[in-house]
Amino acid sequence: MAGSTLEIKDLHVEIEGQEILKGVNLTINGGEFHAVMGPNGTGKSTLASAIMGHPKYEVTKGEVLLDGENVLEMEVDERAQAGLFLAMQYPSEISGVTNSDFLRSSINAHREEGDEISLMKFIKDMDAKMDTLDMDKNMAQRYLNEGFSGGEKKRNEILQLMMIEPAIAILDEIDSGLDIDALKVVAQGINEMRNDSFGCLIITHYQRLLNYITPDKVHVMMQGRVVKSGGPELSQRLEAEGYDWIKQELGIEDETVNA
């Protein structure tokens, strides 16, 4: 089955009157894994938040199209139901809602009435995916992210990704705060999602994650734009040489934005 396509066209975003994104263009097709890298403060997390509709971020120009539909005209929950998923850098804690209740409700929100996932299938699928992520089964009945360590929260985000099976996932620094063992487990879960109907945008600072999840394309953001794209070799060169060679190549002066 052919996957969805996410097209970001000339996206401009402001926060409290300050322009952060200054014309981002990017296309992700089903079956493709894209990585976005760049120095601190260049707008990478702003891109993720703007796509998903965080009210703090004002889109002043451009479009974000999912299979031709402008998601910027949708409410946040409609974007999720349309097939977008965001694994956040700092997942929220929600008291009173268990992991299992949250996941089952999220899955059924994508299904037609009368076609809800059965309890037995849900439990079987969740148990298998928790095994893949080396998660304690008791976490299923704990309140969502409440009292979880940083590593547990990140694994929980990937559990949600694996259970919900969105069309396009945006992973915002999913590797931050993970030790090497947890990083390998999280990467394994993401890699298990690879198929022709699933596209992924990975925002990261480090090559270490991309050692385990090989991207099809790597994009470098500076000054609120994508300034260079390439294959996996681009991230490897960035790891070895930093960003100065790109700045020199493109004549970019040091400048950051607060995002």
C-alpha atoms as a PDB file:
ATOM      1  CA  MET A   1       0.000   0.000   0.000  1.00  0.00           C
ATOM      2  CA  ALA A   2       1.386   3.395  -0.990  1.00  0.00           C
ATOM      3  CA  GLY A   3       2.119   5.668   1.918  1.00  0.00           C
ATOM      4  CA  SER A   4       1.145   9.248   2.627  1.00  0.00           C
ATOM      5  CA  THR A   5       3.152  12.311   1.611  1.00  0.00           C
ATOM      6  CA  LEU A   6       3.906  15.253   3.892  1.00  0.00           C
ATOM      7  CA  GLU A   7       4.841  18.434   2.023  1.00  0.00           C
ATOM      8  CA  ILE A   8       6.166  21.475   3.881  1.00  0.00           C
ATOM      9  CA  LYS A   9       6.066  24.480   1.552  1.00  0.00           C
ATOM     10  CA  ASP A  10       7.716  27.843   2.289  1.00  0.00           C
ATOM     11  CA  LEU A  11       6.816  27.592   5.982  1.00  0.00           C
ATOM     12  CA  HIS A  12       7.296  30.767   8.028  1.00  0.00           C
ATOM     13  CA  VAL A  13       6.639  30.680  11.783  1.00  0.00           C
ATOM     14  CA  GLU A  14       6.799  33.351  14.484  1.00  0.00           C
ATOM     15  CA  ILE A  15       6.885  33.231  18.273  1.00  0.00           C
ATOM     16  CA  GLU A  16       5.743  36.448  19.978  1.00  0.00           C
ATOM     17  CA  GLY A  17       6.566  38.455  16.870  1.00  0.00           C
ATOM     18  CA  GLN A  18      10.010  36.926  16.294  1.00  0.00           C
ATOM     19  CA  GLU A  19      10.366  34.999  13.058  1.00  0.00           C
ATOM     20  CA  ILE A  20      11.862  31.563  13.718  1.00  0.00           C
ATOM     21  CA  LEU A  21      11.211  29.618  10.516  1.00  0.00           C
ATOM     22  CA  LYS A  22      11.990  31.622   7.395  1.00  0.00           C
ATOM     23  CA  GLY A  23      10.829  29.463   4.525  1.00  0.00           C
ATOM     24  CA  VAL A  24      11.219  25.737   5.227  1.00  0.00           C
ATOM     25  CA  ASN A  25      10.681  23.377   2.292  1.00  0.00           C
ATOM     26  CA  LEU A  26      10.672  19.618   2.827  1.00  0.00           C
ATOM     27  CA  THR A  27       8.843  16.591   1.403  1.00  0.00           C
ATOM     28  CA  ILE A  28       8.575  13.213   3.145  1.00  0.00           C
ATOM     29  CA  ASN A  29       7.033  10.255   1.335  1.00  0.00           C
ATOM     30  CA  GLY A  30       5.780   7.021   2.813  1.00  0.00           C
ATOM     31  CA  GLY A  31       8.639   4.559   3.221  1.00  0.00           C
ATOM     32  CA  GLU A  32      11.200   7.333   3.756  1.00  0.00           C
ATOM     33  CA  PHE A  33      13.130   8.236   6.892  1.00  0.00           C
ATOM     34  CA  HIS A  34      14.428  11.825   6.951  1.00  0.00           C
ATOM     35  CA  ALA A  35      16.746  13.316   9.569  1.00  0.00           C
ATOM     36  CA  VAL A  36      16.891  17.039  10.371  1.00  0.00           C
ATOM     37  CA  MET A  37      20.042  18.307  12.052  1.00  0.00           C
ATOM     38  CA  GLY A  38      21.480  21.723  12.810  1.00  0.00           C
ATOM     39  CA  PRO A  39      23.034  23.887  15.515  1.00  0.00           C
ATOM     40  CA  ASN A  40      21.043  24.853  18.603  1.00  0.00           C
ATOM     41  CA  GLY A  41      18.428  27.534  18.028  1.00  0.00           C
ATOM     42  CA  THR A  42      17.887  27.042  14.303  1.00  0.00           C
ATOM     43  CA  GLY A  43      14.199  26.141  14.496  1.00  0.00           C
ATOM     44  CA  LYS A  44      14.178  22.337  14.436  1.00  0.00           C
ATOM     45  CA  SER A  45      11.766  21.867  17.351  1.00  0.00           C
ATOM     46  CA  THR A  46       9.735  24.851  16.151  1.00  0.00           C
ATOM     47  CA  LEU A  47       9.173  22.952  12.902  1.00  0.00           C
ATOM     48  CA  ALA A  48       7.791  19.936  14.783  1.00  0.00           C
ATOM     49  CA  SER A  49       5.548  22.027  17.027  1.00  0.00           C
ATOM     50  CA  ALA A  50       4.197  24.140  14.185  1.00  0.00           C
ATOM     51  CA  ILE A  51       3.278  21.083  12.117  1.00  0.00           C
ATOM     52  CA  MET A  52       1.301  19.642  15.022  1.00  0.00           C
ATOM     53  CA  GLY A  53      -0.430  22.942  15.865  1.00  0.00           C
ATOM     54  CA  HIS A  54       1.098  24.129  19.147  1.00  0.00           C
ATOM     55  CA  PRO A  55      -0.712  27.428  19.903  1.00  0.00           C
ATOM     56  CA  LYS A  56       2.544  29.192  20.841  1.00  0.00           C
ATOM     57  CA  TYR A  57       3.712  29.071  17.212  1.00  0.00           C
ATOM     58  CA  GLU A  58       2.074  31.358  14.642  1.00  0.00           C
ATOM     59  CA  VAL A  59       2.326  30.311  11.009  1.00  0.00           C
ATOM     60  CA  THR A  60       2.555  33.511   8.969  1.00  0.00           C
ATOM     61  CA  LYS A  61       3.130  31.982   5.539  1.00  0.00           C
ATOM     62  CA  GLY A  62       3.284  28.637   3.790  1.00  0.00           C
ATOM     63  CA  GLU A  63       1.512  25.302   3.827  1.00  0.00           C
ATOM     64  CA  VAL A  64       1.864  21.873   5.395  1.00  0.00           C
ATOM     65  CA  LEU A  65       0.088  19.343   3.209  1.00  0.00           C
ATOM     66  CA  LEU A  66      -0.709  15.751   4.122  1.00  0.00           C
ATOM     67  CA  ASP A  67      -1.813  13.989   0.962  1.00  0.00           C
ATOM     68  CA  GLY A  68      -2.778  17.379  -0.461  1.00  0.00           C
ATOM     69  CA  GLU A  69      -4.782  18.566   2.556  1.00  0.00           C
ATOM     70  CA  ASN A  70      -3.510  21.595   4.448  1.00  0.00           C
ATOM     71  CA  VAL A  71      -3.144  20.395   8.045  1.00  0.00           C
ATOM     72  CA  LEU A  72      -2.686  23.990   9.209  1.00  0.00           C
ATOM     73  CA  GLU A  73      -6.443  24.370   8.779  1.00  0.00           C
ATOM     74  CA  MET A  74      -7.090  21.404  11.116  1.00  0.00           C
ATOM     75  CA  GLU A  75      -7.419  21.284  14.886  1.00  0.00           C
ATOM     76  CA  VAL A  76      -4.659  19.436  16.728  1.00  0.00           C
ATOM     77  CA  ASP A  77      -6.744  16.289  17.241  1.00  0.00           C
ATOM     78  CA  GLU A  78      -7.748  16.333  13.568  1.00  0.00           C
ATOM     79  CA  ARG A  79      -4.081  16.356  12.566  1.00  0.00           C
ATOM     80  CA  ALA A  80      -3.509  13.267  14.687  1.00  0.00           C
ATOM     81  CA  GLN A  81      -6.558  11.533  13.256  1.00  0.00           C
ATOM     82  CA  ALA A  82      -5.359  12.395   9.745  1.00  0.00           C
ATOM     83  CA  GLY A  83      -2.208  10.377  10.405  1.00  0.00           C
ATOM     84  CA  LEU A  84       0.381  12.677  11.999  1.00  0.00           C
ATOM     85  CA  PHE A  85       2.233  11.715  15.179  1.00  0.00           C
ATOM     86  CA  LEU A  86       4.659  13.693  17.347  1.00  0.00           C
ATOM     87  CA  ALA A  87       7.027  12.056  19.821  1.00  0.00           C
ATOM     88  CA  MET A  88       7.893  14.987  22.039  1.00  0.00           C
ATOM     89  CA  GLN A  89      11.246  15.919  23.489  1.00  0.00           C
ATOM     90  CA  TYR A  90       9.594  16.380  26.893  1.00  0.00           C
ATOM     91  CA  PRO A  91       6.476  14.150  27.124  1.00  0.00           C
ATOM     92  CA  SER A  92       3.743  15.375  29.449  1.00  0.00           C
ATOM     93  CA  GLU A  93       2.560  13.566  32.550  1.00  0.00           C
ATOM     94  CA  ILE A  94      -1.186  12.903  32.745  1.00  0.00           C
ATOM     95  CA  SER A  95      -2.490  11.793  36.109  1.00  0.00           C
ATOM     96  CA  GLY A  96      -5.583   9.583  36.261  1.00  0.00           C
ATOM     97  CA  VAL A  97      -5.180   8.130  32.755  1.00  0.00           C
ATOM     98  CA  THR A  98      -3.384   4.804  32.482  1.00  0.00           C
ATOM     99  CA  ASN A  99      -1.054   3.971  29.624  1.00  0.00           C
ATOM    100  CA  SER A 100      -3.311   1.188  28.410  1.00  0.00           C
ATOM    101  CA  ASP A 101      -6.484   3.336  28.495  1.00  0.00           C
ATOM    102  CA  PHE A 102      -4.709   6.150  26.643  1.00  0.00           C
ATOM    103  CA  LEU A 103      -3.377   3.819  23.968  1.00  0.00           C
ATOM    104  CA  ARG A 104      -6.643   1.973  23.383  1.00  0.00           C
ATOM    105  CA  SER A 105      -8.560   5.255  23.136  1.00  0.00           C
ATOM    106  CA  SER A 106      -5.960   6.629  20.700  1.00  0.00           C
ATOM    107  CA  ILE A 107      -6.176   3.551  18.481  1.00  0.00           C
ATOM    108  CA  ASN A 108      -9.985   3.589  18.450  1.00  0.00           C
ATOM    109  CA  ALA A 109      -9.997   7.310  17.590  1.00  0.00           C
ATOM    110  CA  HIS A 110      -8.521   6.301  14.225  1.00  0.00           C
ATOM    111  CA  ARG A 111     -11.189   3.623  13.630  1.00  0.00           C
ATOM    112  CA  GLU A 112     -14.781   3.777  12.527  1.00  0.00           C
ATOM    113  CA  GLU A 113     -17.524   3.283  15.101  1.00  0.00           C
ATOM    114  CA  GLY A 114     -18.205  -0.440  15.430  1.00  0.00           C
ATOM    115  CA  ASP A 115     -14.656  -1.323  14.322  1.00  0.00           C
ATOM    116  CA  GLU A 116     -12.929  -0.704  17.656  1.00  0.00           C
ATOM    117  CA  ILE A 117      -9.950  -2.897  18.489  1.00  0.00           C
ATOM    118  CA  SER A 118     -10.914  -5.862  20.658  1.00  0.00           C
ATOM    119  CA  LEU A 119      -9.535  -6.008  24.178  1.00  0.00           C
ATOM    120  CA  MET A 120      -7.765  -9.310  23.551  1.00  0.00           C
ATOM    121  CA  LYS A 121      -6.050  -8.108  20.374  1.00  0.00           C
ATOM    122  CA  PHE A 122      -5.076  -4.855  22.064  1.00  0.00           C
ATOM    123  CA  ILE A 123      -3.490  -6.649  25.034  1.00  0.00           C
ATOM    124  CA  LYS A 124      -1.681  -9.111  22.757  1.00  0.00           C
ATOM    125  CA  ASP A 125      -0.289  -6.334  20.535  1.00  0.00           C
ATOM    126  CA  MET A 126       0.714  -4.140  23.459  1.00  0.00           C
ATOM    127  CA  ASP A 127       2.471  -6.990  25.266  1.00  0.00           C
ATOM    128  CA  ALA A 128       4.476  -7.877  22.149  1.00  0.00           C
ATOM    129  CA  LYS A 129       5.559  -4.293  21.563  1.00  0.00           C
ATOM    130  CA  MET A 130       6.446  -3.768  25.217  1.00  0.00           C
ATOM    131  CA  ASP A 131       8.670  -6.850  24.932  1.00  0.00           C
ATOM    132  CA  THR A 132      10.396  -5.304  21.919  1.00  0.00           C
ATOM    133  CA  LEU A 133      11.043  -2.139  23.937  1.00  0.00           C
ATOM    134  CA  ASP A 134      12.116  -4.070  27.042  1.00  0.00           C
ATOM    135  CA  MET A 135       9.388  -2.371  29.098  1.00  0.00           C
ATOM    136  CA  ASP A 136       8.035  -3.571  32.421  1.00  0.00           C
ATOM    137  CA  LYS A 137       4.486  -4.808  31.799  1.00  0.00           C
ATOM    138  CA  ASN A 138       3.341  -2.987  34.957  1.00  0.00           C
ATOM    139  CA  MET A 139       3.861   0.285  33.068  1.00  0.00           C
ATOM    140  CA  ALA A 140       0.659  -0.442  31.151  1.00  0.00           C
ATOM    141  CA  GLN A 141      -1.403   0.258  34.276  1.00  0.00           C
ATOM    142  CA  ARG A 142       0.586   3.256  35.481  1.00  0.00           C
ATOM    143  CA  TYR A 143      -0.638   6.779  34.837  1.00  0.00           C
ATOM    144  CA  LEU A 144       0.676   8.220  31.585  1.00  0.00           C
ATOM    145  CA  ASN A 145       4.328   9.203  32.105  1.00  0.00           C
ATOM    146  CA  GLU A 146       3.695   9.957  35.794  1.00  0.00           C
ATOM    147  CA  GLY A 147       6.861   9.193  37.761  1.00  0.00           C
ATOM    148  CA  PHE A 148       8.568   7.776  34.669  1.00  0.00           C
ATOM    149  CA  SER A 149      12.287   8.295  34.215  1.00  0.00           C
ATOM    150  CA  GLY A 150      13.455  10.123  31.101  1.00  0.00           C
ATOM    151  CA  GLY A 151      14.300   6.838  29.425  1.00  0.00           C
ATOM    152  CA  GLU A 152      10.936   5.309  30.333  1.00  0.00           C
ATOM    153  CA  LYS A 153       9.127   8.307  28.853  1.00  0.00           C
ATOM    154  CA  LYS A 154      11.013   7.952  25.578  1.00  0.00           C
ATOM    155  CA  ARG A 155      10.282   4.234  25.357  1.00  0.00           C
ATOM    156  CA  ASN A 156       6.657   5.013  26.105  1.00  0.00           C
ATOM    157  CA  GLU A 157       6.571   7.485  23.202  1.00  0.00           C
ATOM    158  CA  ILE A 158       7.853   4.770  20.863  1.00  0.00           C
ATOM    159  CA  LEU A 159       5.306   2.323  22.288  1.00  0.00           C
ATOM    160  CA  GLN A 160       2.593   4.819  21.339  1.00  0.00           C
ATOM    161  CA  LEU A 161       4.111   5.145  17.871  1.00  0.00           C
ATOM    162  CA  MET A 162       4.164   1.375  17.370  1.00  0.00           C
ATOM    163  CA  MET A 163       0.608   0.897  18.620  1.00  0.00           C
ATOM    164  CA  ILE A 164      -1.023   3.816  16.788  1.00  0.00           C
ATOM    165  CA  GLU A 165       0.838   3.214  13.491  1.00  0.00           C
ATOM    166  CA  PRO A 166       0.524   6.726  12.040  1.00  0.00           C
ATOM    167  CA  ALA A 167       1.185   7.652   8.426  1.00  0.00           C
ATOM    168  CA  ILE A 168       3.903  10.199   9.268  1.00  0.00           C
ATOM    169  CA  ALA A 169       5.805  10.425  12.551  1.00  0.00           C
ATOM    170  CA  ILE A 170       7.879  13.354  13.797  1.00  0.00           C
ATOM    171  CA  LEU A 171      10.431  12.356  16.431  1.00  0.00           C
ATOM    172  CA  ASP A 172      11.741  15.433  18.229  1.00  0.00           C
ATOM    173  CA  GLU A 173      15.103  14.596  19.823  1.00  0.00           C
ATOM    174  CA  ILE A 174      13.858  11.175  20.890  1.00  0.00           C
ATOM    175  CA  ASP A 175      17.465  10.265  21.733  1.00  0.00           C
ATOM    176  CA  SER A 176      18.065  13.021  24.290  1.00  0.00           C
ATOM    177  CA  GLY A 177      18.832  11.690  27.751  1.00  0.00           C
ATOM    178  CA  LEU A 178      19.108   8.051  26.667  1.00  0.00           C
ATOM    179  CA  ASP A 179      22.031   5.849  27.611  1.00  0.00           C
ATOM    180  CA  ILE A 180      23.473   3.592  24.914  1.00  0.00           C
ATOM    181  CA  ASP A 181      21.386   0.543  25.871  1.00  0.00           C
ATOM    182  CA  ALA A 182      18.122   2.508  25.896  1.00  0.00           C
ATOM    183  CA  LEU A 183      19.101   4.170  22.620  1.00  0.00           C
ATOM    184  CA  LYS A 184      19.518   0.781  20.940  1.00  0.00           C
ATOM    185  CA  VAL A 185      16.116  -0.390  22.218  1.00  0.00           C
ATOM    186  CA  VAL A 186      14.349   2.788  21.070  1.00  0.00           C
ATOM    187  CA  ALA A 187      16.052   2.563  17.668  1.00  0.00           C
ATOM    188  CA  GLN A 188      14.953  -1.055  17.322  1.00  0.00           C
ATOM    189  CA  GLY A 189      11.341  -0.060  17.917  1.00  0.00           C
ATOM    190  CA  ILE A 190      11.536   2.709  15.316  1.00  0.00           C
ATOM    191  CA  ASN A 191      13.206   0.434  12.783  1.00  0.00           C
ATOM    192  CA  GLU A 192      10.413  -2.121  13.214  1.00  0.00           C
ATOM    193  CA  MET A 193       8.044   0.533  11.876  1.00  0.00           C
ATOM    194  CA  ARG A 194       9.843   0.700   8.519  1.00  0.00           C
ATOM    195  CA  ASN A 195       7.475  -0.078   5.660  1.00  0.00           C
ATOM    196  CA  ASP A 196       6.259   1.557   2.461  1.00  0.00           C
ATOM    197  CA  SER A 197       3.259   3.168   4.154  1.00  0.00           C
ATOM    198  CA  PHE A 198       5.167   4.862   7.000  1.00  0.00           C
ATOM    199  CA  GLY A 199       7.241   8.033   6.766  1.00  0.00           C
ATOM    200  CA  CYS A 200       9.393   9.476   9.550  1.00  0.00           C
ATOM    201  CA  LEU A 201      11.045  12.822  10.309  1.00  0.00           C
ATOM    202  CA  ILE A 202      13.786  12.474  12.925  1.00  0.00           C
ATOM    203  CA  ILE A 203      15.048  15.646  14.594  1.00  0.00           C
ATOM    204  CA  THR A 204      18.384  15.045  16.280  1.00  0.00           C
ATOM    205  CA  HIS A 205      21.665  16.661  17.218  1.00  0.00           C
ATOM    206  CA  TYR A 206      23.734  13.527  17.114  1.00  0.00           C
ATOM    207  CA  GLN A 207      25.030  10.933  14.686  1.00  0.00           C
ATOM    208  CA  ARG A 208      24.809   8.305  17.436  1.00  0.00           C
ATOM    209  CA  LEU A 209      21.071   7.824  16.828  1.00  0.00           C
ATOM    210  CA  LEU A 210      21.635   7.637  13.076  1.00  0.00           C
ATOM    211  CA  ASN A 211      24.167   4.872  13.627  1.00  0.00           C
ATOM    212  CA  TYR A 212      21.172   2.687  14.490  1.00  0.00           C
ATOM    213  CA  ILE A 213      18.469   4.286  12.319  1.00  0.00           C
ATOM    214  CA  THR A 214      19.854   4.914   8.838  1.00  0.00           C
ATOM    215  CA  PRO A 215      18.033   7.846   7.223  1.00  0.00           C
ATOM    216  CA  ASP A 216      17.274   7.991   3.513  1.00  0.00           C
ATOM    217  CA  LYS A 217      17.915  11.731   3.533  1.00  0.00           C
ATOM    218  CA  VAL A 218      19.609  14.171   5.908  1.00  0.00           C
ATOM    219  CA  HIS A 219      18.738  17.879   6.016  1.00  0.00           C
ATOM    220  CA  VAL A 220      20.663  20.656   7.738  1.00  0.00           C
ATOM    221  CA  MET A 221      18.768  23.633   9.154  1.00  0.00           C
ATOM    222  CA  MET A 222      20.378  27.000   9.767  1.00  0.00           C
ATOM    223  CA  GLN A 223      18.798  30.404  10.315  1.00  0.00           C
ATOM    224  CA  GLY A 224      15.308  28.950  10.054  1.00  0.00           C
ATOM    225  CA  ARG A 225      15.746  27.233   6.687  1.00  0.00           C
ATOM    226  CA  VAL A 226      16.919  23.947   5.221  1.00  0.00           C
ATOM    227  CA  VAL A 227      20.271  24.933   3.736  1.00  0.00           C
ATOM    228  CA  LYS A 228      21.692  21.561   2.685  1.00  0.00           C
ATOM    229  CA  SER A 229      20.398  18.044   2.028  1.00  0.00           C
ATOM    230  CA  GLY A 230      22.115  14.768   1.292  1.00  0.00           C
ATOM    231  CA  GLY A 231      22.316  11.113   2.184  1.00  0.00           C
ATOM    232  CA  PRO A 232      23.569   9.416   5.364  1.00  0.00           C
ATOM    233  CA  GLU A 233      27.105  10.511   4.555  1.00  0.00           C
ATOM    234  CA  LEU A 234      26.094  14.112   5.315  1.00  0.00           C
ATOM    235  CA  SER A 235      25.364  13.369   8.976  1.00  0.00           C
ATOM    236  CA  GLN A 236      28.612  11.428   9.226  1.00  0.00           C
ATOM    237  CA  ARG A 237      30.580  14.418   7.958  1.00  0.00           C
ATOM    238  CA  LEU A 238      28.781  16.699  10.404  1.00  0.00           C
ATOM    239  CA  GLU A 239      29.772  14.394  13.239  1.00  0.00           C
ATOM    240  CA  ALA A 240      33.398  14.506  12.131  1.00  0.00           C
ATOM    241  CA  GLU A 241      33.714  18.163  11.145  1.00  0.00           C
ATOM    242  CA  GLY A 242      30.854  20.108  12.754  1.00  0.00           C
ATOM    243  CA  TYR A 243      28.884  22.819  10.943  1.00  0.00           C
ATOM    244  CA  ASP A 244      31.599  25.343  10.106  1.00  0.00           C
ATOM    245  CA  TRP A 245      32.271  23.856   6.670  1.00  0.00           C
ATOM    246  CA  ILE A 246      28.633  24.341   5.692  1.00  0.00           C
ATOM    247  CA  LYS A 247      28.681  27.935   6.922  1.00  0.00           C
ATOM    248  CA  GLN A 248      31.817  28.620   4.912  1.00  0.00           C
ATOM    249  CA  GLU A 249      30.505  26.825   1.843  1.00  0.00           C
ATOM    250  CA  LEU A 250      27.247  28.803   1.852  1.00  0.00           C
ATOM    251  CA  GLY A 251      28.571  32.068   3.291  1.00  0.00           C
ATOM    252  CA  ILE A 252      26.394  31.835   6.383  1.00  0.00           C
ATOM    253  CA  GLU A 253      27.299  34.069   9.299  1.00  0.00           C
ATOM    254  CA  ASP A 254      26.868  32.866  12.869  1.00  0.00           C
ATOM    255  CA  GLU A 255      23.346  33.646  13.911  1.00  0.00           C
ATOM    256  CA  THR A 256      20.780  31.714  15.911  1.00  0.00           C
ATOM    257  CA  VAL A 257      17.141  32.037  16.768  1.00  0.00           C
ATOM    258  CA  ASN A 258      15.600  31.141  20.091  1.00  0.00           C
ATOM    259  CA  ALA A 259      13.864  27.883  19.232  1.00  0.00           C
END
